[in-house]
Amino acid sequence: MEPLHHAWLPQNSMEAQALHPPIAGKEEMVPYLPSSRVQTVNVMKLLEGRSGRLADLGSGDGRLVFAASAAGFRCTGFEINSILVSYARSKARWIGVPSSQAVFVKTDFWKTDLSSYNNVTAFLAPGVMGVLGEKLLKELPSDARVIACRFPFPDWPQQLSAGSGLDETFGYDISTVRSHLRDEQETVLY
């Protein structure tokens, strides 16, 4: 597999902020911060044994999409920064990733129905994880797995994790999360 880091990509948060300005109107600003190589490996560990369609929410330069498509997933990278979408599309063409395996769309995933995806990855700010969790619980099929990079979902029971510190990733099976939240709600009612 080719290296996932390129010297001319943002090297610090100021460079990343210039490439991916905060999203106006969202609960918290979500700057572009690329996944580390270790974080990408951790995501792939949590996807082992799975297949199907994968949505990467806030796909940035596409590194998670490229890793997942190399493992056989049919991927869609959702990104609102046109520079990053152009970069990811160009890289996909350069390395020969067919559009049947990976596509990058300049689309706001908040306004997109994600029900056709059975795998979702997200590396977003902690302040949006609760709202994202609500969206995913409403839309994803019961066999879906969600992988959160660095920041876990605040109300979801932790099921799987890989790595530690800044490179930690968290895995959640939607059916188990729904069951846990339903049981928790029934306990509160009684």
N, C-alpha and C. Protein backbone atom coordinates (compact mmCIF):
# COMPACT_ATOMS: atom_id res chain seq x y z
N MET A 1 0.85 -1.18 0.00
CA MET A 1 0.00 0.00 0.00
C MET A 1 0.90 1.24 0.00
N GLU A 2 0.53 2.24 -0.74
CA GLU A 2 1.36 3.44 -0.81
C GLU A 2 1.24 4.26 0.47
N PRO A 3 2.25 5.07 0.81
CA PRO A 3 2.18 5.90 2.00
C PRO A 3 0.96 6.83 1.94
N LEU A 4 0.35 7.07 3.09
CA LEU A 4 -0.84 7.90 3.14
C LEU A 4 -0.54 9.36 3.44
N HIS A 5 0.72 9.72 3.61
CA HIS A 5 1.07 11.09 3.94
C HIS A 5 1.88 11.71 2.80
N HIS A 6 1.55 12.91 2.46
CA HIS A 6 2.28 13.64 1.44
C HIS A 6 2.80 14.93 2.04
N ALA A 7 4.04 15.27 1.75
CA ALA A 7 4.69 16.42 2.37
C ALA A 7 3.95 17.74 2.11
N TRP A 8 3.25 17.85 1.00
CA TRP A 8 2.61 19.14 0.71
C TRP A 8 1.21 19.24 1.28
N LEU A 9 0.72 18.21 1.98
CA LEU A 9 -0.55 18.32 2.67
C LEU A 9 -0.34 19.12 3.95
N PRO A 10 -1.41 19.62 4.55
CA PRO A 10 -1.27 20.44 5.75
C PRO A 10 -0.47 19.73 6.84
N GLN A 11 0.48 20.44 7.41
CA GLN A 11 1.33 19.87 8.43
C GLN A 11 0.95 20.30 9.84
N ASN A 12 0.08 21.31 9.94
CA ASN A 12 -0.34 21.76 11.25
C ASN A 12 -1.76 22.33 11.15
N SER A 13 -2.33 22.67 12.30
CA SER A 13 -3.73 23.09 12.32
C SER A 13 -3.97 24.40 11.57
N MET A 14 -2.98 25.29 11.53
CA MET A 14 -3.18 26.56 10.79
C MET A 14 -3.26 26.29 9.29
N GLU A 15 -2.39 25.42 8.78
CA GLU A 15 -2.45 25.07 7.36
C GLU A 15 -3.76 24.33 7.07
N ALA A 16 -4.16 23.44 7.96
CA ALA A 16 -5.40 22.70 7.77
C ALA A 16 -6.60 23.64 7.77
N GLN A 17 -6.61 24.61 8.67
CA GLN A 17 -7.70 25.58 8.74
C GLN A 17 -7.83 26.36 7.44
N ALA A 18 -6.70 26.69 6.81
CA ALA A 18 -6.74 27.42 5.55
C ALA A 18 -7.36 26.57 4.44
N LEU A 19 -7.08 25.26 4.45
CA LEU A 19 -7.65 24.37 3.43
C LEU A 19 -9.10 24.02 3.70
N HIS A 20 -9.50 23.96 4.94
CA HIS A 20 -10.85 23.51 5.28
C HIS A 20 -11.43 24.45 6.33
N PRO A 21 -12.00 25.58 5.90
CA PRO A 21 -12.54 26.54 6.86
C PRO A 21 -13.71 25.93 7.64
N PRO A 22 -13.99 26.47 8.84
CA PRO A 22 -15.09 25.95 9.65
C PRO A 22 -16.41 26.01 8.90
N ILE A 23 -17.32 25.12 9.26
CA ILE A 23 -18.64 25.07 8.64
C ILE A 23 -19.56 26.01 9.40
N ALA A 24 -20.04 27.04 8.73
CA ALA A 24 -20.95 28.00 9.36
C ALA A 24 -22.28 27.32 9.65
N GLY A 25 -22.85 27.62 10.81
CA GLY A 25 -24.17 27.11 11.12
C GLY A 25 -24.17 25.75 11.81
N LYS A 26 -23.06 25.09 11.91
CA LYS A 26 -23.02 23.82 12.62
C LYS A 26 -22.76 24.10 14.10
N GLU A 27 -23.07 23.12 14.93
CA GLU A 27 -22.95 23.29 16.36
C GLU A 27 -21.53 23.65 16.79
N GLU A 28 -20.57 23.10 16.11
CA GLU A 28 -19.17 23.39 16.41
C GLU A 28 -18.41 23.42 15.09
N MET A 29 -17.38 24.26 15.04
CA MET A 29 -16.58 24.33 13.82
C MET A 29 -15.79 23.03 13.66
N VAL A 30 -15.72 22.55 12.40
CA VAL A 30 -15.04 21.30 12.12
C VAL A 30 -13.94 21.58 11.09
N PRO A 31 -12.72 21.85 11.54
CA PRO A 31 -11.63 22.11 10.60
C PRO A 31 -11.11 20.81 9.98
N TYR A 32 -10.40 20.94 8.88
CA TYR A 32 -9.78 19.77 8.26
C TYR A 32 -8.55 19.39 9.08
N LEU A 33 -8.54 18.17 9.53
CA LEU A 33 -7.40 17.60 10.23
C LEU A 33 -7.26 16.18 9.71
N PRO A 34 -6.24 15.91 8.92
CA PRO A 34 -6.13 14.59 8.30
C PRO A 34 -5.89 13.48 9.33
N SER A 35 -6.41 12.31 9.01
CA SER A 35 -6.15 11.13 9.84
C SER A 35 -4.68 10.78 9.74
N SER A 36 -4.12 10.34 10.86
CA SER A 36 -2.74 9.88 10.83
C SER A 36 -2.70 8.49 10.19
N ARG A 37 -1.53 8.04 9.84
CA ARG A 37 -1.36 6.70 9.28
C ARG A 37 -1.83 5.65 10.29
N VAL A 38 -1.47 5.83 11.55
CA VAL A 38 -1.86 4.87 12.59
C VAL A 38 -3.38 4.87 12.76
N GLN A 39 -3.98 6.03 12.72
CA GLN A 39 -5.44 6.13 12.85
C GLN A 39 -6.13 5.40 11.69
N THR A 40 -5.60 5.56 10.49
CA THR A 40 -6.16 4.87 9.32
C THR A 40 -6.05 3.36 9.49
N VAL A 41 -4.92 2.89 9.97
CA VAL A 41 -4.74 1.45 10.23
C VAL A 41 -5.75 0.98 11.28
N ASN A 42 -5.97 1.79 12.32
CA ASN A 42 -6.93 1.43 13.37
C ASN A 42 -8.35 1.35 12.83
N VAL A 43 -8.72 2.27 11.95
CA VAL A 43 -10.04 2.21 11.32
C VAL A 43 -10.19 0.89 10.56
N MET A 44 -9.16 0.56 9.79
CA MET A 44 -9.23 -0.67 8.99
C MET A 44 -9.31 -1.92 9.88
N LYS A 45 -8.67 -1.89 11.06
CA LYS A 45 -8.79 -3.02 11.99
C LYS A 45 -10.24 -3.20 12.42
N LEU A 46 -10.94 -2.09 12.67
CA LEU A 46 -12.32 -2.16 13.12
C LEU A 46 -13.29 -2.52 12.00
N LEU A 47 -12.82 -2.46 10.76
CA LEU A 47 -13.64 -2.84 9.61
C LEU A 47 -13.35 -4.27 9.14
N GLU A 48 -12.39 -4.94 9.77
CA GLU A 48 -12.03 -6.31 9.36
C GLU A 48 -13.25 -7.22 9.40
N GLY A 49 -13.38 -8.04 8.36
CA GLY A 49 -14.49 -8.98 8.27
C GLY A 49 -15.77 -8.38 7.72
N ARG A 50 -15.73 -7.11 7.39
CA ARG A 50 -16.92 -6.43 6.87
C ARG A 50 -16.74 -6.14 5.39
N SER A 51 -17.84 -5.83 4.73
CA SER A 51 -17.80 -5.47 3.32
C SER A 51 -18.97 -4.55 3.03
N GLY A 52 -19.12 -4.18 1.77
CA GLY A 52 -20.27 -3.37 1.38
C GLY A 52 -19.92 -1.93 1.10
N ARG A 53 -20.88 -1.06 1.36
CA ARG A 53 -20.74 0.36 1.05
C ARG A 53 -20.26 1.11 2.29
N LEU A 54 -19.33 2.04 2.07
CA LEU A 54 -18.78 2.83 3.16
C LEU A 54 -18.90 4.31 2.83
N ALA A 55 -19.37 5.08 3.79
CA ALA A 55 -19.42 6.54 3.68
C ALA A 55 -18.39 7.11 4.64
N ASP A 56 -17.50 7.94 4.12
CA ASP A 56 -16.54 8.66 4.98
C ASP A 56 -17.03 10.09 5.08
N LEU A 57 -17.46 10.48 6.27
CA LEU A 57 -18.07 11.79 6.49
C LEU A 57 -16.99 12.82 6.79
N GLY A 58 -16.81 13.77 5.88
CA GLY A 58 -15.73 14.72 5.99
C GLY A 58 -14.44 14.04 5.54
N SER A 59 -14.44 13.58 4.29
CA SER A 59 -13.37 12.71 3.80
C SER A 59 -12.04 13.40 3.55
N GLY A 60 -12.00 14.72 3.59
CA GLY A 60 -10.73 15.42 3.44
C GLY A 60 -9.99 15.04 2.18
N ASP A 61 -8.74 14.62 2.33
CA ASP A 61 -7.92 14.27 1.16
C ASP A 61 -8.15 12.84 0.68
N GLY A 62 -9.04 12.11 1.33
CA GLY A 62 -9.44 10.79 0.85
C GLY A 62 -8.67 9.61 1.41
N ARG A 63 -7.78 9.82 2.35
CA ARG A 63 -6.91 8.72 2.79
C ARG A 63 -7.69 7.53 3.37
N LEU A 64 -8.77 7.77 4.11
CA LEU A 64 -9.55 6.64 4.62
C LEU A 64 -10.30 5.93 3.49
N VAL A 65 -10.81 6.72 2.54
CA VAL A 65 -11.51 6.14 1.39
C VAL A 65 -10.56 5.26 0.58
N PHE A 66 -9.34 5.72 0.36
CA PHE A 66 -8.38 4.93 -0.41
C PHE A 66 -8.04 3.63 0.31
N ALA A 67 -7.85 3.69 1.63
CA ALA A 67 -7.54 2.47 2.39
C ALA A 67 -8.71 1.50 2.34
N ALA A 68 -9.93 2.00 2.52
CA ALA A 68 -11.11 1.13 2.52
C ALA A 68 -11.39 0.56 1.13
N SER A 69 -11.21 1.37 0.10
CA SER A 69 -11.46 0.85 -1.25
C SER A 69 -10.43 -0.22 -1.61
N ALA A 70 -9.20 -0.09 -1.13
CA ALA A 70 -8.17 -1.11 -1.36
C ALA A 70 -8.54 -2.42 -0.67
N ALA A 71 -9.36 -2.33 0.39
CA ALA A 71 -9.80 -3.53 1.11
C ALA A 71 -11.11 -4.08 0.54
N GLY A 72 -11.60 -3.48 -0.55
CA GLY A 72 -12.77 -4.01 -1.23
C GLY A 72 -14.08 -3.29 -0.96
N PHE A 73 -14.08 -2.27 -0.14
CA PHE A 73 -15.31 -1.51 0.11
C PHE A 73 -15.63 -0.62 -1.09
N ARG A 74 -16.92 -0.38 -1.33
CA ARG A 74 -17.37 0.60 -2.31
C ARG A 74 -17.62 1.88 -1.51
N CYS A 75 -16.80 2.89 -1.77
CA CYS A 75 -16.74 4.05 -0.88
C CYS A 75 -17.25 5.33 -1.51
N THR A 76 -17.84 6.16 -0.66
CA THR A 76 -18.18 7.53 -1.02
C THR A 76 -17.56 8.43 0.03
N GLY A 77 -16.76 9.38 -0.43
CA GLY A 77 -16.18 10.37 0.46
C GLY A 77 -17.01 11.64 0.36
N PHE A 78 -17.62 12.04 1.47
CA PHE A 78 -18.42 13.27 1.53
C PHE A 78 -17.53 14.39 2.06
N GLU A 79 -17.42 15.47 1.30
CA GLU A 79 -16.55 16.59 1.68
C GLU A 79 -17.15 17.86 1.11
N ILE A 80 -17.12 18.94 1.88
CA ILE A 80 -17.67 20.21 1.38
C ILE A 80 -16.60 21.16 0.87
N ASN A 81 -15.34 20.84 1.10
CA ASN A 81 -14.25 21.70 0.63
C ASN A 81 -13.87 21.28 -0.79
N SER A 82 -14.12 22.15 -1.75
CA SER A 82 -13.89 21.80 -3.16
C SER A 82 -12.42 21.52 -3.47
N ILE A 83 -11.50 22.15 -2.76
CA ILE A 83 -10.08 21.89 -2.98
C ILE A 83 -9.74 20.45 -2.60
N LEU A 84 -10.25 20.01 -1.45
CA LEU A 84 -9.98 18.65 -1.00
C LEU A 84 -10.68 17.62 -1.89
N VAL A 85 -11.87 17.92 -2.36
CA VAL A 85 -12.57 17.02 -3.27
C VAL A 85 -11.78 16.88 -4.56
N SER A 86 -11.31 17.99 -5.10
CA SER A 86 -10.51 17.95 -6.33
C SER A 86 -9.22 17.15 -6.13
N TYR A 87 -8.57 17.38 -5.01
CA TYR A 87 -7.35 16.63 -4.71
C TYR A 87 -7.63 15.12 -4.67
N ALA A 88 -8.67 14.73 -3.91
CA ALA A 88 -8.98 13.30 -3.76
C ALA A 88 -9.36 12.68 -5.11
N ARG A 89 -10.14 13.38 -5.90
CA ARG A 89 -10.51 12.86 -7.23
C ARG A 89 -9.28 12.70 -8.11
N SER A 90 -8.39 13.69 -8.07
CA SER A 90 -7.17 13.62 -8.88
C SER A 90 -6.30 12.45 -8.43
N LYS A 91 -6.16 12.29 -7.13
CA LYS A 91 -5.34 11.19 -6.63
C LYS A 91 -5.96 9.85 -7.02
N ALA A 92 -7.27 9.74 -6.96
CA ALA A 92 -7.93 8.49 -7.34
C ALA A 92 -7.62 8.15 -8.80
N ARG A 93 -7.69 9.16 -9.66
CA ARG A 93 -7.35 8.92 -11.08
C ARG A 93 -5.89 8.53 -11.22
N TRP A 94 -5.02 9.25 -10.53
CA TRP A 94 -3.58 9.00 -10.63
C TRP A 94 -3.22 7.57 -10.23
N ILE A 95 -3.79 7.10 -9.09
CA ILE A 95 -3.42 5.77 -8.61
C ILE A 95 -4.30 4.66 -9.19
N GLY A 96 -5.25 5.05 -10.04
CA GLY A 96 -6.04 4.06 -10.76
C GLY A 96 -7.18 3.43 -9.98
N VAL A 97 -7.74 4.16 -9.03
CA VAL A 97 -8.89 3.64 -8.28
C VAL A 97 -10.14 3.86 -9.14
N PRO A 98 -10.83 2.79 -9.52
CA PRO A 98 -12.02 2.96 -10.36
C PRO A 98 -13.16 3.64 -9.60
N SER A 99 -13.96 4.39 -10.33
CA SER A 99 -15.07 5.10 -9.69
C SER A 99 -16.11 4.13 -9.11
N SER A 100 -16.06 2.88 -9.52
CA SER A 100 -16.96 1.88 -8.92
C SER A 100 -16.51 1.53 -7.49
N GLN A 101 -15.27 1.84 -7.14
CA GLN A 101 -14.74 1.56 -5.81
C GLN A 101 -14.70 2.78 -4.91
N ALA A 102 -14.45 3.95 -5.49
CA ALA A 102 -14.34 5.17 -4.67
C ALA A 102 -14.80 6.38 -5.47
N VAL A 103 -15.67 7.14 -4.86
CA VAL A 103 -16.14 8.37 -5.46
C VAL A 103 -16.10 9.46 -4.38
N PHE A 104 -15.77 10.66 -4.78
CA PHE A 104 -15.71 11.79 -3.86
C PHE A 104 -16.74 12.82 -4.31
N VAL A 105 -17.60 13.22 -3.38
CA VAL A 105 -18.67 14.15 -3.73
C VAL A 105 -18.57 15.40 -2.86
N LYS A 106 -18.80 16.54 -3.50
CA LYS A 106 -18.84 17.81 -2.77
C LYS A 106 -20.29 17.99 -2.31
N THR A 107 -20.58 17.33 -1.20
CA THR A 107 -21.94 17.27 -0.69
C THR A 107 -21.91 17.37 0.83
N ASP A 108 -22.88 18.09 1.37
CA ASP A 108 -23.03 18.20 2.80
C ASP A 108 -23.72 16.93 3.31
N PHE A 109 -22.99 16.08 4.01
CA PHE A 109 -23.57 14.81 4.46
C PHE A 109 -24.73 15.01 5.43
N TRP A 110 -24.80 16.17 6.09
CA TRP A 110 -25.91 16.44 7.00
C TRP A 110 -27.24 16.46 6.25
N LYS A 111 -27.17 16.80 4.95
CA LYS A 111 -28.37 16.89 4.13
C LYS A 111 -28.55 15.67 3.24
N THR A 112 -27.82 14.61 3.51
CA THR A 112 -27.83 13.40 2.68
C THR A 112 -28.39 12.23 3.47
N ASP A 113 -29.23 11.44 2.82
CA ASP A 113 -29.75 10.21 3.42
C ASP A 113 -28.65 9.15 3.33
N LEU A 114 -28.23 8.64 4.45
CA LEU A 114 -27.13 7.68 4.51
C LEU A 114 -27.61 6.24 4.65
N SER A 115 -28.88 5.99 4.41
CA SER A 115 -29.46 4.67 4.65
C SER A 115 -28.92 3.56 3.76
N SER A 116 -28.26 3.91 2.67
CA SER A 116 -27.73 2.86 1.78
C SER A 116 -26.31 2.42 2.16
N TYR A 117 -25.77 2.96 3.24
CA TYR A 117 -24.41 2.61 3.67
C TYR A 117 -24.47 1.69 4.89
N ASN A 118 -23.68 0.63 4.86
CA ASN A 118 -23.62 -0.26 6.02
C ASN A 118 -22.31 -0.11 6.79
N ASN A 119 -21.49 0.86 6.38
CA ASN A 119 -20.26 1.21 7.10
C ASN A 119 -20.10 2.72 6.99
N VAL A 120 -19.79 3.37 8.11
CA VAL A 120 -19.61 4.82 8.13
C VAL A 120 -18.38 5.13 8.96
N THR A 121 -17.54 6.02 8.44
CA THR A 121 -16.40 6.52 9.22
C THR A 121 -16.55 8.02 9.38
N ALA A 122 -16.11 8.53 10.54
CA ALA A 122 -16.21 9.96 10.81
C ALA A 122 -15.06 10.38 11.71
N PHE A 123 -14.38 11.44 11.31
CA PHE A 123 -13.37 12.08 12.15
C PHE A 123 -13.79 13.54 12.22
N LEU A 124 -14.66 13.82 13.19
CA LEU A 124 -15.26 15.14 13.33
C LEU A 124 -15.00 15.68 14.73
N ALA A 125 -15.40 16.91 14.98
CA ALA A 125 -15.20 17.54 16.28
C ALA A 125 -16.14 16.94 17.32
N PRO A 126 -15.71 16.91 18.59
CA PRO A 126 -16.53 16.29 19.63
C PRO A 126 -17.91 16.93 19.78
N GLY A 127 -18.03 18.22 19.51
CA GLY A 127 -19.30 18.92 19.68
C GLY A 127 -20.38 18.52 18.69
N VAL A 128 -20.03 17.86 17.60
CA VAL A 128 -21.04 17.43 16.62
C VAL A 128 -21.36 15.95 16.72
N MET A 129 -20.65 15.21 17.55
CA MET A 129 -20.82 13.76 17.59
C MET A 129 -22.21 13.35 18.11
N GLY A 130 -22.74 14.08 19.06
CA GLY A 130 -24.08 13.76 19.56
C GLY A 130 -25.15 13.92 18.49
N VAL A 131 -25.10 15.03 17.77
CA VAL A 131 -26.06 15.29 16.69
C VAL A 131 -25.87 14.28 15.56
N LEU A 132 -24.62 13.96 15.24
CA LEU A 132 -24.35 12.96 14.22
C LEU A 132 -24.90 11.60 14.64
N GLY A 133 -24.74 11.26 15.90
CA GLY A 133 -25.27 10.00 16.40
C GLY A 133 -26.76 9.88 16.19
N GLU A 134 -27.50 10.96 16.44
CA GLU A 134 -28.95 10.97 16.23
C GLU A 134 -29.28 10.72 14.76
N LYS A 135 -28.55 11.38 13.87
CA LYS A 135 -28.78 11.22 12.43
C LYS A 135 -28.52 9.77 12.01
N LEU A 136 -27.41 9.22 12.46
CA LEU A 136 -27.05 7.85 12.07
C LEU A 136 -28.03 6.82 12.63
N LEU A 137 -28.50 7.02 13.85
CA LEU A 137 -29.48 6.09 14.43
C LEU A 137 -30.78 6.09 13.64
N LYS A 138 -31.16 7.23 13.11
CA LYS A 138 -32.40 7.34 12.31
C LYS A 138 -32.24 6.72 10.93
N GLU A 139 -31.05 6.83 10.35
CA GLU A 139 -30.90 6.51 8.93
C GLU A 139 -30.23 5.17 8.61
N LEU A 140 -29.32 4.71 9.42
CA LEU A 140 -28.53 3.54 9.03
C LEU A 140 -29.29 2.23 9.21
N PRO A 141 -28.98 1.24 8.36
CA PRO A 141 -29.59 -0.08 8.52
C PRO A 141 -29.06 -0.75 9.79
N SER A 142 -29.78 -1.76 10.26
CA SER A 142 -29.42 -2.40 11.53
C SER A 142 -28.09 -3.13 11.48
N ASP A 143 -27.60 -3.49 10.28
CA ASP A 143 -26.31 -4.19 10.19
C ASP A 143 -25.13 -3.23 10.02
N ALA A 144 -25.36 -1.93 10.18
CA ALA A 144 -24.31 -0.94 9.95
C ALA A 144 -23.30 -0.91 11.10
N ARG A 145 -22.07 -0.59 10.75
CA ARG A 145 -21.03 -0.32 11.73
C ARG A 145 -20.55 1.11 11.50
N VAL A 146 -20.35 1.82 12.61
CA VAL A 146 -19.87 3.20 12.57
C VAL A 146 -18.52 3.24 13.27
N ILE A 147 -17.55 3.88 12.63
CA ILE A 147 -16.22 4.04 13.22
C ILE A 147 -16.00 5.54 13.44
N ALA A 148 -15.70 5.90 14.67
CA ALA A 148 -15.41 7.29 15.03
C ALA A 148 -13.93 7.40 15.36
N CYS A 149 -13.28 8.36 14.75
CA CYS A 149 -11.86 8.58 14.98
C CYS A 149 -11.67 9.63 16.08
N ARG A 150 -10.89 9.28 17.05
CA ARG A 150 -10.47 10.14 18.16
C ARG A 150 -11.58 10.52 19.14
N PHE A 151 -12.76 10.88 18.63
CA PHE A 151 -13.84 11.35 19.51
C PHE A 151 -15.01 10.37 19.47
N PRO A 152 -15.30 9.69 20.59
CA PRO A 152 -16.42 8.73 20.61
C PRO A 152 -17.77 9.44 20.62
N PHE A 153 -18.81 8.68 20.35
CA PHE A 153 -20.17 9.20 20.46
C PHE A 153 -20.50 9.29 21.94
N PRO A 154 -21.02 10.43 22.41
CA PRO A 154 -21.17 10.64 23.85
C PRO A 154 -22.18 9.71 24.54
N ASP A 155 -23.24 9.30 23.86
CA ASP A 155 -24.27 8.50 24.51
C ASP A 155 -24.30 7.05 24.05
N TRP A 156 -23.33 6.66 23.24
CA TRP A 156 -23.31 5.29 22.72
C TRP A 156 -22.39 4.43 23.55
N PRO A 157 -22.78 3.18 23.80
CA PRO A 157 -21.89 2.28 24.55
C PRO A 157 -20.69 1.89 23.69
N GLN A 158 -19.52 2.00 24.29
CA GLN A 158 -18.31 1.63 23.54
C GLN A 158 -18.30 0.13 23.37
N GLN A 159 -18.12 -0.32 22.12
CA GLN A 159 -18.10 -1.75 21.83
C GLN A 159 -16.72 -2.22 21.43
N LEU A 160 -16.13 -1.51 20.50
CA LEU A 160 -14.83 -1.87 19.96
C LEU A 160 -13.93 -0.64 19.97
N SER A 161 -12.65 -0.87 20.11
CA SER A 161 -11.71 0.25 19.94
C SER A 161 -10.38 -0.32 19.47
N ALA A 162 -9.63 0.55 18.84
CA ALA A 162 -8.28 0.19 18.39
C ALA A 162 -7.39 1.40 18.62
N GLY A 163 -6.19 1.15 19.08
CA GLY A 163 -5.24 2.23 19.30
C GLY A 163 -5.47 2.92 20.64
N SER A 164 -4.72 4.01 20.81
CA SER A 164 -4.84 4.77 22.05
C SER A 164 -4.50 6.23 21.79
N GLY A 165 -4.83 7.06 22.75
CA GLY A 165 -4.53 8.48 22.65
C GLY A 165 -5.17 9.12 21.43
N LEU A 166 -4.42 9.95 20.74
CA LEU A 166 -4.94 10.69 19.59
C LEU A 166 -5.27 9.79 18.41
N ASP A 167 -4.73 8.60 18.38
CA ASP A 167 -4.98 7.67 17.27
C ASP A 167 -6.07 6.64 17.57
N GLU A 168 -6.74 6.77 18.72
CA GLU A 168 -7.76 5.80 19.07
C GLU A 168 -8.98 5.93 18.16
N THR A 169 -9.52 4.79 17.78
CA THR A 169 -10.76 4.75 16.99
C THR A 169 -11.77 3.88 17.74
N PHE A 170 -13.05 4.20 17.55
CA PHE A 170 -14.13 3.54 18.27
C PHE A 170 -15.09 2.94 17.27
N GLY A 171 -15.49 1.68 17.50
CA GLY A 171 -16.41 1.01 16.59
C GLY A 171 -17.73 0.71 17.29
N TYR A 172 -18.81 0.93 16.54
CA TYR A 172 -20.16 0.73 17.07
C TYR A 172 -21.00 -0.02 16.05
N ASP A 173 -21.68 -1.06 16.49
CA ASP A 173 -22.66 -1.73 15.65
C ASP A 173 -24.02 -1.11 15.97
N ILE A 174 -24.68 -0.60 14.95
CA ILE A 174 -25.92 0.15 15.14
C ILE A 174 -26.99 -0.66 15.87
N SER A 175 -27.13 -1.92 15.55
CA SER A 175 -28.16 -2.73 16.22
C SER A 175 -27.92 -2.79 17.73
N THR A 176 -26.66 -2.92 18.14
CA THR A 176 -26.33 -2.96 19.56
C THR A 176 -26.56 -1.61 20.22
N VAL A 177 -26.20 -0.53 19.53
CA VAL A 177 -26.43 0.82 20.08
C VAL A 177 -27.92 1.05 20.27
N ARG A 178 -28.71 0.71 19.26
CA ARG A 178 -30.17 0.90 19.38
C ARG A 178 -30.73 0.09 20.54
N SER A 179 -30.30 -1.14 20.68
CA SER A 179 -30.77 -2.00 21.76
C SER A 179 -30.39 -1.42 23.12
N HIS A 180 -29.15 -0.98 23.25
CA HIS A 180 -28.68 -0.38 24.51
C HIS A 180 -29.49 0.87 24.86
N LEU A 181 -29.68 1.74 23.89
CA LEU A 181 -30.41 2.99 24.15
C LEU A 181 -31.87 2.70 24.48
N ARG A 182 -32.47 1.69 23.83
CA ARG A 182 -33.85 1.30 24.11
C ARG A 182 -33.95 0.75 25.54
N ASP A 183 -32.99 -0.12 25.93
CA ASP A 183 -32.98 -0.68 27.28
C ASP A 183 -32.78 0.41 28.32
N GLU A 184 -31.90 1.36 28.00
CA GLU A 184 -31.63 2.47 28.91
C GLU A 184 -32.89 3.31 29.11
N GLN A 185 -33.61 3.57 28.02
CA GLN A 185 -34.83 4.36 28.09
C GLN A 185 -35.91 3.63 28.88
N GLU A 186 -36.03 2.31 28.69
CA GLU A 186 -37.02 1.53 29.45
C GLU A 186 -36.68 1.54 30.93
N THR A 187 -35.41 1.50 31.29
CA THR A 187 -35.00 1.55 32.68
C THR A 187 -35.39 2.87 33.32
N VAL A 188 -35.26 3.95 32.59
CA VAL A 188 -35.63 5.28 33.09
C VAL A 188 -37.13 5.38 33.28
N LEU A 189 -37.90 4.74 32.39
CA LEU A 189 -39.36 4.81 32.48
C LEU A 189 -39.91 4.02 33.66
N TYR A 190 -39.19 3.00 34.13
CA TYR A 190 -39.71 2.15 35.21
C TYR A 190 -39.09 2.47 36.53
